[in-house]
């Protein structure tokens, strides 16, 4: 990996360390521009809600088990 990519990844670390979950899995679907972040595997989602900014929060027994970010690249691209 290039050092620029490593620096970008390292900017995420402080926020990740604050998460209450011990594990994190991510998948990015480039074609659909959707980022999936899971805090539990396997998870059996029994409820979800969509925020006004196109983020789906997924729950299992009242606890957040993941988030799905729609239009992810467009949200985070620098203008």
C-alpha atoms as a PDB file:
ATOM      1  CA  UNK A   1       0.000   0.000   0.000  1.00  0.00           C
ATOM      2  CA  UNK A   2       1.130   3.510  -0.654  1.00  0.00           C
ATOM      3  CA  UNK A   3       1.914   5.753   2.270  1.00  0.00           C
ATOM      4  CA  UNK A   4      -1.000   8.045   1.308  1.00  0.00           C
ATOM      5  CA  UNK A   5      -3.414   5.115   1.696  1.00  0.00           C
ATOM      6  CA  UNK A   6      -1.874   4.205   5.050  1.00  0.00           C
ATOM      7  CA  UNK A   7      -2.277   7.801   6.258  1.00  0.00           C
ATOM      8  CA  UNK A   8      -5.937   7.750   5.205  1.00  0.00           C
ATOM      9  CA  UNK A   9      -6.517   4.494   7.074  1.00  0.00           C
ATOM     10  CA  UNK A  10      -4.744   5.846  10.156  1.00  0.00           C
ATOM     11  CA  UNK A  11      -7.139   8.823  10.301  1.00  0.00           C
ATOM     12  CA  UNK A  12      -9.906   6.288  10.993  1.00  0.00           C
ATOM     13  CA  UNK A  13      -8.207   4.671  13.978  1.00  0.00           C
ATOM     14  CA  UNK A  14      -9.173   7.192  16.718  1.00  0.00           C
ATOM     15  CA  UNK A  15     -12.862   6.829  15.882  1.00  0.00           C
ATOM     16  CA  UNK A  16     -12.653   3.035  15.673  1.00  0.00           C
ATOM     17  CA  UNK A  17     -11.033   2.827  19.089  1.00  0.00           C
ATOM     18  CA  UNK A  18     -14.038   4.621  20.596  1.00  0.00           C
ATOM     19  CA  UNK A  19     -16.512   2.011  19.353  1.00  0.00           C
ATOM     20  CA  UNK A  20     -17.940  -0.219  22.085  1.00  0.00           C
ATOM     21  CA  UNK A  21     -17.728  -3.255  19.787  1.00  0.00           C
ATOM     22  CA  UNK A  22     -14.568  -5.324  19.755  1.00  0.00           C
ATOM     23  CA  UNK A  23     -14.865  -6.480  16.131  1.00  0.00           C
ATOM     24  CA  UNK A  24     -15.669  -4.746  12.878  1.00  0.00           C
ATOM     25  CA  UNK A  25     -16.230  -6.062   9.348  1.00  0.00           C
ATOM     26  CA  UNK A  26     -16.667  -3.882   6.284  1.00  0.00           C
ATOM     27  CA  UNK A  27     -17.663  -4.529   2.697  1.00  0.00           C
ATOM     28  CA  UNK A  28     -17.899  -1.941  -0.058  1.00  0.00           C
ATOM     29  CA  UNK A  29     -20.004  -2.564  -3.165  1.00  0.00           C
ATOM     30  CA  UNK A  30     -18.467  -0.162  -5.686  1.00  0.00           C
ATOM     31  CA  UNK A  31     -21.103  -0.739  -8.351  1.00  0.00           C
ATOM     32  CA  UNK A  32     -23.962   0.101  -5.957  1.00  0.00           C
ATOM     33  CA  UNK A  33     -21.855   2.602  -3.957  1.00  0.00           C
ATOM     34  CA  UNK A  34     -22.909   1.011  -0.668  1.00  0.00           C
ATOM     35  CA  UNK A  35     -20.695   0.534   2.383  1.00  0.00           C
ATOM     36  CA  UNK A  36     -21.695  -2.172   4.852  1.00  0.00           C
ATOM     37  CA  UNK A  37     -20.260  -2.017   8.371  1.00  0.00           C
ATOM     38  CA  UNK A  38     -21.014  -4.944  10.674  1.00  0.00           C
ATOM     39  CA  UNK A  39     -20.270  -5.168  14.389  1.00  0.00           C
ATOM     40  CA  UNK A  40     -21.424  -8.769  14.807  1.00  0.00           C
ATOM     41  CA  UNK A  41     -21.153 -11.854  12.622  1.00  0.00           C
ATOM     42  CA  UNK A  42     -23.361 -13.562  12.123  1.00  0.00           C
ATOM     43  CA  UNK A  43     -26.042 -11.027  12.895  1.00  0.00           C
ATOM     44  CA  UNK A  44     -29.747 -11.639  12.678  1.00  0.00           C
ATOM     45  CA  UNK A  45     -31.235  -8.215  12.163  1.00  0.00           C
ATOM     46  CA  UNK A  46     -34.753  -7.916  13.502  1.00  0.00           C
ATOM     47  CA  UNK A  47     -35.238  -4.159  13.007  1.00  0.00           C
ATOM     48  CA  UNK A  48     -33.752  -1.248  11.109  1.00  0.00           C
ATOM     49  CA  UNK A  49     -34.233   2.441  10.520  1.00  0.00           C
ATOM     50  CA  UNK A  50     -33.130   4.791   7.766  1.00  0.00           C
ATOM     51  CA  UNK A  51     -31.800   8.204   8.679  1.00  0.00           C
ATOM     52  CA  UNK A  52     -32.492  11.312   6.638  1.00  0.00           C
ATOM     53  CA  UNK A  53     -28.990  11.072   5.144  1.00  0.00           C
ATOM     54  CA  UNK A  54     -29.454   7.560   3.687  1.00  0.00           C
ATOM     55  CA  UNK A  55     -27.824   5.548   6.446  1.00  0.00           C
ATOM     56  CA  UNK A  56     -29.564   2.358   7.511  1.00  0.00           C
ATOM     57  CA  UNK A  57     -29.019   1.402  11.145  1.00  0.00           C
ATOM     58  CA  UNK A  58     -29.544  -2.326  11.717  1.00  0.00           C
ATOM     59  CA  UNK A  59     -30.585  -3.771  15.078  1.00  0.00           C
ATOM     60  CA  UNK A  60     -30.694  -7.172  16.728  1.00  0.00           C
ATOM     61  CA  UNK A  61     -32.644  -7.356  19.987  1.00  0.00           C
ATOM     62  CA  UNK A  62     -32.394  -3.590  20.396  1.00  0.00           C
ATOM     63  CA  UNK A  63     -28.609  -3.389  19.891  1.00  0.00           C
ATOM     64  CA  UNK A  64     -26.919  -1.924  16.830  1.00  0.00           C
ATOM     65  CA  UNK A  65     -25.273  -4.720  14.852  1.00  0.00           C
ATOM     66  CA  UNK A  66     -24.427  -2.755  11.737  1.00  0.00           C
ATOM     67  CA  UNK A  67     -24.914   0.216   9.494  1.00  0.00           C
ATOM     68  CA  UNK A  68     -25.359   0.460   5.751  1.00  0.00           C
ATOM     69  CA  UNK A  69     -24.267   3.695   4.105  1.00  0.00           C
ATOM     70  CA  UNK A  70     -25.955   4.365   0.774  1.00  0.00           C
ATOM     71  CA  UNK A  71     -24.149   6.569  -1.772  1.00  0.00           C
ATOM     72  CA  UNK A  72     -21.009   6.172   0.339  1.00  0.00           C
ATOM     73  CA  UNK A  73     -18.397   7.459  -2.113  1.00  0.00           C
ATOM     74  CA  UNK A  74     -20.455  10.511  -2.957  1.00  0.00           C
ATOM     75  CA  UNK A  75     -20.928  11.314   0.745  1.00  0.00           C
ATOM     76  CA  UNK A  76     -17.230  11.189   1.557  1.00  0.00           C
ATOM     77  CA  UNK A  77     -15.593  12.515  -1.605  1.00  0.00           C
ATOM     78  CA  UNK A  78     -13.716  15.752  -1.087  1.00  0.00           C
ATOM     79  CA  UNK A  79     -15.078  18.532  -3.212  1.00  0.00           C
END
